[in-house]
Amino acid sequence: LILPVGDVGEPFIDAGDIADVAVA
């Protein structure tokens, strides 16, 4: 995987969690 990003921390989230929040 080649990307233009270094050691930046990202709090990746599950799309399923987003969907659960939306449904609520």
mmCIF file of all heavy atoms, coordinates in Angstrom:
data_MODEL
# 
_entry.id   MODEL 
# 
loop_
_atom_site.group_PDB 
_atom_site.id 
_atom_site.type_symbol 
_atom_site.label_atom_id 
_atom_site.label_alt_id 
_atom_site.label_comp_id 
_atom_site.label_asym_id 
_atom_site.label_entity_id 
_atom_site.label_seq_id 
_atom_site.pdbx_PDB_ins_code 
_atom_site.Cartn_x 
_atom_site.Cartn_y 
_atom_site.Cartn_z 
_atom_site.occupancy 
_atom_site.B_iso_or_equiv 
_atom_site.pdbx_formal_charge 
_atom_site.auth_seq_id 
_atom_site.auth_comp_id 
_atom_site.auth_asym_id 
_atom_site.auth_atom_id 
_atom_site.pdbx_PDB_model_num 
ATOM 1   N N   . LEU A 1 1  ? 0.857   -1.179 0.000  1.00 0.00 ? 1  LEU A N   1 
ATOM 2   C CA  . LEU A 1 1  ? 0.000   0.000  0.000  1.00 0.00 ? 1  LEU A CA  1 
ATOM 3   C C   . LEU A 1 1  ? 0.894   1.229  0.000  1.00 0.00 ? 1  LEU A C   1 
ATOM 4   O O   . LEU A 1 1  ? 1.693   1.424  0.925  1.00 0.00 ? 1  LEU A O   1 
ATOM 5   C CB  . LEU A 1 1  ? -0.920  0.012  1.215  1.00 0.00 ? 1  LEU A CB  1 
ATOM 6   C CG  . LEU A 1 1  ? -1.871  1.213  1.305  1.00 0.00 ? 1  LEU A CG  1 
ATOM 7   C CD1 . LEU A 1 1  ? -2.807  1.270  0.100  1.00 0.00 ? 1  LEU A CD1 1 
ATOM 8   C CD2 . LEU A 1 1  ? -2.662  1.193  2.603  1.00 0.00 ? 1  LEU A CD2 1 
ATOM 9   N N   . ILE A 1 2  ? 0.771   2.052  -1.030 1.00 0.00 ? 2  ILE A N   1 
ATOM 10  C CA  . ILE A 1 2  ? 1.578   3.259  -1.183 1.00 0.00 ? 2  ILE A CA  1 
ATOM 11  C C   . ILE A 1 2  ? 0.678   4.468  -0.973 1.00 0.00 ? 2  ILE A C   1 
ATOM 12  O O   . ILE A 1 2  ? -0.325  4.637  -1.678 1.00 0.00 ? 2  ILE A O   1 
ATOM 13  C CB  . ILE A 1 2  ? 2.217   3.319  -2.581 1.00 0.00 ? 2  ILE A CB  1 
ATOM 14  C CG1 . ILE A 1 2  ? 3.082   2.079  -2.826 1.00 0.00 ? 2  ILE A CG1 1 
ATOM 15  C CG2 . ILE A 1 2  ? 3.035   4.593  -2.742 1.00 0.00 ? 2  ILE A CG2 1 
ATOM 16  C CD1 . ILE A 1 2  ? 3.599   1.972  -4.254 1.00 0.00 ? 2  ILE A CD1 1 
ATOM 17  N N   . LEU A 1 3  ? 1.030   5.311  -0.005 1.00 0.00 ? 3  LEU A N   1 
ATOM 18  C CA  . LEU A 1 3  ? 0.229   6.493  0.288  1.00 0.00 ? 3  LEU A CA  1 
ATOM 19  C C   . LEU A 1 3  ? 1.134   7.663  0.666  1.00 0.00 ? 3  LEU A C   1 
ATOM 20  O O   . LEU A 1 3  ? 2.227   7.458  1.218  1.00 0.00 ? 3  LEU A O   1 
ATOM 21  C CB  . LEU A 1 3  ? -0.735  6.225  1.450  1.00 0.00 ? 3  LEU A CB  1 
ATOM 22  C CG  . LEU A 1 3  ? -1.889  5.253  1.196  1.00 0.00 ? 3  LEU A CG  1 
ATOM 23  C CD1 . LEU A 1 3  ? -2.654  5.027  2.495  1.00 0.00 ? 3  LEU A CD1 1 
ATOM 24  C CD2 . LEU A 1 3  ? -2.816  5.764  0.107  1.00 0.00 ? 3  LEU A CD2 1 
ATOM 25  N N   . PRO A 1 4  ? 0.690   8.892  0.442  1.00 0.00 ? 4  PRO A N   1 
ATOM 26  C CA  . PRO A 1 4  ? 1.484   10.072 0.799  1.00 0.00 ? 4  PRO A CA  1 
ATOM 27  C C   . PRO A 1 4  ? 1.227   10.512 2.230  1.00 0.00 ? 4  PRO A C   1 
ATOM 28  O O   . PRO A 1 4  ? 0.812   11.647 2.497  1.00 0.00 ? 4  PRO A O   1 
ATOM 29  C CB  . PRO A 1 4  ? 0.998   11.119 -0.214 1.00 0.00 ? 4  PRO A CB  1 
ATOM 30  C CG  . PRO A 1 4  ? -0.441  10.777 -0.408 1.00 0.00 ? 4  PRO A CG  1 
ATOM 31  C CD  . PRO A 1 4  ? -0.511  9.278  -0.346 1.00 0.00 ? 4  PRO A CD  1 
ATOM 32  N N   . VAL A 1 5  ? 1.475   9.624  3.185  1.00 0.00 ? 5  VAL A N   1 
ATOM 33  C CA  . VAL A 1 5  ? 1.261   9.938  4.591  1.00 0.00 ? 5  VAL A CA  1 
ATOM 34  C C   . VAL A 1 5  ? 2.290   9.190  5.427  1.00 0.00 ? 5  VAL A C   1 
ATOM 35  O O   . VAL A 1 5  ? 2.660   8.063  5.108  1.00 0.00 ? 5  VAL A O   1 
ATOM 36  C CB  . VAL A 1 5  ? -0.181  9.551  5.026  1.00 0.00 ? 5  VAL A CB  1 
ATOM 37  C CG1 . VAL A 1 5  ? -0.426  8.063  4.885  1.00 0.00 ? 5  VAL A CG1 1 
ATOM 38  C CG2 . VAL A 1 5  ? -0.477  10.024 6.433  1.00 0.00 ? 5  VAL A CG2 1 
ATOM 39  N N   . GLY A 1 6  ? 2.764   9.864  6.483  1.00 0.00 ? 6  GLY A N   1 
ATOM 40  C CA  . GLY A 1 6  ? 3.764   9.256  7.340  1.00 0.00 ? 6  GLY A CA  1 
ATOM 41  C C   . GLY A 1 6  ? 3.175   8.748  8.636  1.00 0.00 ? 6  GLY A C   1 
ATOM 42  O O   . GLY A 1 6  ? 2.126   8.104  8.651  1.00 0.00 ? 6  GLY A O   1 
ATOM 43  N N   . ASP A 1 7  ? 3.843   9.077  9.736  1.00 0.00 ? 7  ASP A N   1 
ATOM 44  C CA  . ASP A 1 7  ? 3.446   8.550  11.043 1.00 0.00 ? 7  ASP A CA  1 
ATOM 45  C C   . ASP A 1 7  ? 2.404   9.428  11.720 1.00 0.00 ? 7  ASP A C   1 
ATOM 46  O O   . ASP A 1 7  ? 2.566   9.852  12.872 1.00 0.00 ? 7  ASP A O   1 
ATOM 47  C CB  . ASP A 1 7  ? 4.679   8.405  11.942 1.00 0.00 ? 7  ASP A CB  1 
ATOM 48  C CG  . ASP A 1 7  ? 5.631   7.341  11.440 1.00 0.00 ? 7  ASP A CG  1 
ATOM 49  O OD1 . ASP A 1 7  ? 5.147   6.377  10.812 1.00 0.00 ? 7  ASP A OD1 1 
ATOM 50  O OD2 . ASP A 1 7  ? 6.848   7.468  11.657 1.00 0.00 ? 7  ASP A OD2 1 
ATOM 51  N N   . VAL A 1 8  ? 1.338   9.715  11.004 1.00 0.00 ? 8  VAL A N   1 
ATOM 52  C CA  . VAL A 1 8  ? 0.228   10.487 11.562 1.00 0.00 ? 8  VAL A CA  1 
ATOM 53  C C   . VAL A 1 8  ? -0.785  9.515  12.144 1.00 0.00 ? 8  VAL A C   1 
ATOM 54  O O   . VAL A 1 8  ? -1.206  8.569  11.486 1.00 0.00 ? 8  VAL A O   1 
ATOM 55  C CB  . VAL A 1 8  ? -0.445  11.365 10.485 1.00 0.00 ? 8  VAL A CB  1 
ATOM 56  C CG1 . VAL A 1 8  ? -1.669  12.073 11.050 1.00 0.00 ? 8  VAL A CG1 1 
ATOM 57  C CG2 . VAL A 1 8  ? 0.550   12.370 9.939  1.00 0.00 ? 8  VAL A CG2 1 
ATOM 58  N N   . GLY A 1 9  ? -1.182  9.746  13.390 1.00 0.00 ? 9  GLY A N   1 
ATOM 59  C CA  . GLY A 1 9  ? -2.166  8.882  14.017 1.00 0.00 ? 9  GLY A CA  1 
ATOM 60  C C   . GLY A 1 9  ? -3.575  9.274  13.609 1.00 0.00 ? 9  GLY A C   1 
ATOM 61  O O   . GLY A 1 9  ? -3.926  10.453 13.618 1.00 0.00 ? 9  GLY A O   1 
ATOM 62  N N   . GLU A 1 10 ? -4.378  8.298  13.234 1.00 0.00 ? 10 GLU A N   1 
ATOM 63  C CA  . GLU A 1 10 ? -5.775  8.527  12.850 1.00 0.00 ? 10 GLU A CA  1 
ATOM 64  C C   . GLU A 1 10 ? -6.658  7.592  13.678 1.00 0.00 ? 10 GLU A C   1 
ATOM 65  O O   . GLU A 1 10 ? -6.380  6.392  13.764 1.00 0.00 ? 10 GLU A O   1 
ATOM 66  C CB  . GLU A 1 10 ? -5.980  8.261  11.361 1.00 0.00 ? 10 GLU A CB  1 
ATOM 67  C CG  . GLU A 1 10 ? -7.412  8.333  10.877 1.00 0.00 ? 10 GLU A CG  1 
ATOM 68  C CD  . GLU A 1 10 ? -8.029  9.725  10.914 1.00 0.00 ? 10 GLU A CD  1 
ATOM 69  O OE1 . GLU A 1 10 ? -7.262  10.708 11.019 1.00 0.00 ? 10 GLU A OE1 1 
ATOM 70  O OE2 . GLU A 1 10 ? -9.264  9.825  10.836 1.00 0.00 ? 10 GLU A OE2 1 
ATOM 71  N N   . PRO A 1 11 ? -7.729  8.108  14.276 1.00 0.00 ? 11 PRO A N   1 
ATOM 72  C CA  . PRO A 1 11 ? -8.634  7.260  15.072 1.00 0.00 ? 11 PRO A CA  1 
ATOM 73  C C   . PRO A 1 11 ? -9.691  6.604  14.182 1.00 0.00 ? 11 PRO A C   1 
ATOM 74  O O   . PRO A 1 11 ? -10.875 6.913  14.248 1.00 0.00 ? 11 PRO A O   1 
ATOM 75  C CB  . PRO A 1 11 ? -9.250  8.249  16.057 1.00 0.00 ? 11 PRO A CB  1 
ATOM 76  C CG  . PRO A 1 11 ? -9.293  9.545  15.315 1.00 0.00 ? 11 PRO A CG  1 
ATOM 77  C CD  . PRO A 1 11 ? -8.087  9.539  14.405 1.00 0.00 ? 11 PRO A CD  1 
ATOM 78  N N   . PHE A 1 12 ? -9.240  5.705  13.307 1.00 0.00 ? 12 PHE A N   1 
ATOM 79  C CA  . PHE A 1 12 ? -10.136 5.054  12.356 1.00 0.00 ? 12 PHE A CA  1 
ATOM 80  C C   . PHE A 1 12 ? -11.393 4.521  13.055 1.00 0.00 ? 12 PHE A C   1 
ATOM 81  O O   . PHE A 1 12 ? -11.332 4.029  14.182 1.00 0.00 ? 12 PHE A O   1 
ATOM 82  C CB  . PHE A 1 12 ? -9.418  3.885  11.668 1.00 0.00 ? 12 PHE A CB  1 
ATOM 83  C CG  . PHE A 1 12 ? -8.205  4.287  10.878 1.00 0.00 ? 12 PHE A CG  1 
ATOM 84  C CD1 . PHE A 1 12 ? -6.932  4.016  11.354 1.00 0.00 ? 12 PHE A CD1 1 
ATOM 85  C CD2 . PHE A 1 12 ? -8.332  4.935  9.658  1.00 0.00 ? 12 PHE A CD2 1 
ATOM 86  C CE1 . PHE A 1 12 ? -5.810  4.368  10.629 1.00 0.00 ? 12 PHE A CE1 1 
ATOM 87  C CE2 . PHE A 1 12 ? -7.215  5.300  8.925  1.00 0.00 ? 12 PHE A CE2 1 
ATOM 88  C CZ  . PHE A 1 12 ? -5.947  5.022  9.413  1.00 0.00 ? 12 PHE A CZ  1 
ATOM 89  N N   . ILE A 1 13 ? -12.535 4.611  12.353 1.00 0.00 ? 13 ILE A N   1 
ATOM 90  C CA  . ILE A 1 13 ? -13.805 4.185  12.928 1.00 0.00 ? 13 ILE A CA  1 
ATOM 91  C C   . ILE A 1 13 ? -14.523 3.221  11.993 1.00 0.00 ? 13 ILE A C   1 
ATOM 92  O O   . ILE A 1 13 ? -14.408 3.308  10.767 1.00 0.00 ? 13 ILE A O   1 
ATOM 93  C CB  . ILE A 1 13 ? -14.716 5.394  13.237 1.00 0.00 ? 13 ILE A CB  1 
ATOM 94  C CG1 . ILE A 1 13 ? -15.983 4.947  13.971 1.00 0.00 ? 13 ILE A CG1 1 
ATOM 95  C CG2 . ILE A 1 13 ? -15.054 6.172  11.959 1.00 0.00 ? 13 ILE A CG2 1 
ATOM 96  C CD1 . ILE A 1 13 ? -16.799 6.074  14.549 1.00 0.00 ? 13 ILE A CD1 1 
ATOM 97  N N   . ASP A 1 14 ? -15.268 2.312  12.588 1.00 0.00 ? 14 ASP A N   1 
ATOM 98  C CA  . ASP A 1 14 ? -16.052 1.340  11.844 1.00 0.00 ? 14 ASP A CA  1 
ATOM 99  C C   . ASP A 1 14 ? -17.269 2.026  11.220 1.00 0.00 ? 14 ASP A C   1 
ATOM 100 O O   . ASP A 1 14 ? -18.029 2.710  11.914 1.00 0.00 ? 14 ASP A O   1 
ATOM 101 C CB  . ASP A 1 14 ? -16.500 0.237  12.806 1.00 0.00 ? 14 ASP A CB  1 
ATOM 102 C CG  . ASP A 1 14 ? -17.120 -0.961 12.104 1.00 0.00 ? 14 ASP A CG  1 
ATOM 103 O OD1 . ASP A 1 14 ? -17.447 -0.863 10.910 1.00 0.00 ? 14 ASP A OD1 1 
ATOM 104 O OD2 . ASP A 1 14 ? -17.285 -2.003 12.770 1.00 0.00 ? 14 ASP A OD2 1 
ATOM 105 N N   . ALA A 1 15 ? -17.477 1.843  9.918  1.00 0.00 ? 15 ALA A N   1 
ATOM 106 C CA  . ALA A 1 15 ? -18.662 2.390  9.264  1.00 0.00 ? 15 ALA A CA  1 
ATOM 107 C C   . ALA A 1 15 ? -19.939 1.839  9.884  1.00 0.00 ? 15 ALA A C   1 
ATOM 108 O O   . ALA A 1 15 ? -20.988 2.491  9.850  1.00 0.00 ? 15 ALA A O   1 
ATOM 109 C CB  . ALA A 1 15 ? -18.632 2.083  7.763  1.00 0.00 ? 15 ALA A CB  1 
ATOM 110 N N   . GLY A 1 16 ? -19.853 0.649  10.459 1.00 0.00 ? 16 GLY A N   1 
ATOM 111 C CA  . GLY A 1 16 ? -20.998 0.083  11.159 1.00 0.00 ? 16 GLY A CA  1 
ATOM 112 C C   . GLY A 1 16 ? -21.370 0.884  12.391 1.00 0.00 ? 16 GLY A C   1 
ATOM 113 O O   . GLY A 1 16 ? -22.562 1.024  12.721 1.00 0.00 ? 16 GLY A O   1 
ATOM 114 N N   . ASP A 1 17 ? -20.381 1.400  13.093 1.00 0.00 ? 17 ASP A N   1 
ATOM 115 C CA  . ASP A 1 17 ? -20.662 2.265  14.247 1.00 0.00 ? 17 ASP A CA  1 
ATOM 116 C C   . ASP A 1 17 ? -21.338 3.556  13.800 1.00 0.00 ? 17 ASP A C   1 
ATOM 117 O O   . ASP A 1 17 ? -22.273 4.039  14.459 1.00 0.00 ? 17 ASP A O   1 
ATOM 118 C CB  . ASP A 1 17 ? -19.368 2.591  14.999 1.00 0.00 ? 17 ASP A CB  1 
ATOM 119 C CG  . ASP A 1 17 ? -18.862 1.425  15.833 1.00 0.00 ? 17 ASP A CG  1 
ATOM 120 O OD1 . ASP A 1 17 ? -19.679 0.576  16.217 1.00 0.00 ? 17 ASP A OD1 1 
ATOM 121 O OD2 . ASP A 1 17 ? -17.650 1.373  16.099 1.00 0.00 ? 17 ASP A OD2 1 
ATOM 122 N N   . ILE A 1 18 ? -20.869 4.115  12.697 1.00 0.00 ? 18 ILE A N   1 
ATOM 123 C CA  . ILE A 1 18 ? -21.502 5.328  12.165 1.00 0.00 ? 18 ILE A CA  1 
ATOM 124 C C   . ILE A 1 18 ? -22.951 5.037  11.808 1.00 0.00 ? 18 ILE A C   1 
ATOM 125 O O   . ILE A 1 18 ? -23.859 5.826  12.116 1.00 0.00 ? 18 ILE A O   1 
ATOM 126 C CB  . ILE A 1 18 ? -20.733 5.842  10.937 1.00 0.00 ? 18 ILE A CB  1 
ATOM 127 C CG1 . ILE A 1 18 ? -19.311 6.260  11.328 1.00 0.00 ? 18 ILE A CG1 1 
ATOM 128 C CG2 . ILE A 1 18 ? -21.469 7.008  10.282 1.00 0.00 ? 18 ILE A CG2 1 
ATOM 129 C CD1 . ILE A 1 18 ? -18.422 6.584  10.155 1.00 0.00 ? 18 ILE A CD1 1 
ATOM 130 N N   . ALA A 1 19 ? -23.190 3.899  11.164 1.00 0.00 ? 19 ALA A N   1 
ATOM 131 C CA  . ALA A 1 19 ? -24.551 3.527  10.787 1.00 0.00 ? 19 ALA A CA  1 
ATOM 132 C C   . ALA A 1 19 ? -25.432 3.358  12.019 1.00 0.00 ? 19 ALA A C   1 
ATOM 133 O O   . ALA A 1 19 ? -26.597 3.771  12.022 1.00 0.00 ? 19 ALA A O   1 
ATOM 134 C CB  . ALA A 1 19 ? -24.541 2.242  9.966  1.00 0.00 ? 19 ALA A CB  1 
ATOM 135 N N   . ASP A 1 20 ? -24.894 2.772  13.070 1.00 0.00 ? 20 ASP A N   1 
ATOM 136 C CA  . ASP A 1 20 ? -25.678 2.594  14.295 1.00 0.00 ? 20 ASP A CA  1 
ATOM 137 C C   . ASP A 1 20 ? -26.064 3.948  14.901 1.00 0.00 ? 20 ASP A C   1 
ATOM 138 O O   . ASP A 1 20 ? -27.186 4.121  15.389 1.00 0.00 ? 20 ASP A O   1 
ATOM 139 C CB  . ASP A 1 20 ? -24.886 1.776  15.318 1.00 0.00 ? 20 ASP A CB  1 
ATOM 140 C CG  . ASP A 1 20 ? -24.829 0.296  14.964 1.00 0.00 ? 20 ASP A CG  1 
ATOM 141 O OD1 . ASP A 1 20 ? -25.644 -0.158 14.135 1.00 0.00 ? 20 ASP A OD1 1 
ATOM 142 O OD2 . ASP A 1 20 ? -23.956 -0.410 15.519 1.00 0.00 ? 20 ASP A OD2 1 
ATOM 143 N N   . VAL A 1 21 ? -25.136 4.896  14.885 1.00 0.00 ? 21 VAL A N   1 
ATOM 144 C CA  . VAL A 1 21 ? -25.436 6.234  15.393 1.00 0.00 ? 21 VAL A CA  1 
ATOM 145 C C   . VAL A 1 21 ? -26.509 6.888  14.526 1.00 0.00 ? 21 VAL A C   1 
ATOM 146 O O   . VAL A 1 21 ? -27.456 7.507  15.035 1.00 0.00 ? 21 VAL A O   1 
ATOM 147 C CB  . VAL A 1 21 ? -24.167 7.108  15.429 1.00 0.00 ? 21 VAL A CB  1 
ATOM 148 C CG1 . VAL A 1 21 ? -24.516 8.547  15.816 1.00 0.00 ? 21 VAL A CG1 1 
ATOM 149 C CG2 . VAL A 1 21 ? -23.149 6.535  16.416 1.00 0.00 ? 21 VAL A CG2 1 
ATOM 150 N N   . ALA A 1 22 ? -26.389 6.740  13.218 1.00 0.00 ? 22 ALA A N   1 
ATOM 151 C CA  . ALA A 1 22 ? -27.368 7.329  12.304 1.00 0.00 ? 22 ALA A CA  1 
ATOM 152 C C   . ALA A 1 22 ? -28.758 6.742  12.519 1.00 0.00 ? 22 ALA A C   1 
ATOM 153 O O   . ALA A 1 22 ? -29.755 7.471  12.562 1.00 0.00 ? 22 ALA A O   1 
ATOM 154 C CB  . ALA A 1 22 ? -26.927 7.125  10.856 1.00 0.00 ? 22 ALA A CB  1 
ATOM 155 N N   . VAL A 1 23 ? -28.827 5.430  12.675 1.00 0.00 ? 23 VAL A N   1 
ATOM 156 C CA  . VAL A 1 23 ? -30.125 4.774  12.883 1.00 0.00 ? 23 VAL A CA  1 
ATOM 157 C C   . VAL A 1 23 ? -30.753 5.248  14.189 1.00 0.00 ? 23 VAL A C   1 
ATOM 158 O O   . VAL A 1 23 ? -31.962 5.516  14.256 1.00 0.00 ? 23 VAL A O   1 
ATOM 159 C CB  . VAL A 1 23 ? -29.968 3.245  12.870 1.00 0.00 ? 23 VAL A CB  1 
ATOM 160 C CG1 . VAL A 1 23 ? -31.239 2.561  13.366 1.00 0.00 ? 23 VAL A CG1 1 
ATOM 161 C CG2 . VAL A 1 23 ? -29.625 2.766  11.454 1.00 0.00 ? 23 VAL A CG2 1 
ATOM 162 N N   . ALA A 1 24 ? -29.941 5.361  15.222 1.00 0.00 ? 24 ALA A N   1 
ATOM 163 C CA  . ALA A 1 24 ? -30.459 5.867  16.494 1.00 0.00 ? 24 ALA A CA  1 
ATOM 164 C C   . ALA A 1 24 ? -31.012 7.273  16.329 1.00 0.00 ? 24 ALA A C   1 
ATOM 165 O O   . ALA A 1 24 ? -32.099 7.597  16.822 1.00 0.00 ? 24 ALA A O   1 
ATOM 166 C CB  . ALA A 1 24 ? -29.359 5.849  17.552 1.00 0.00 ? 24 ALA A CB  1 
# 
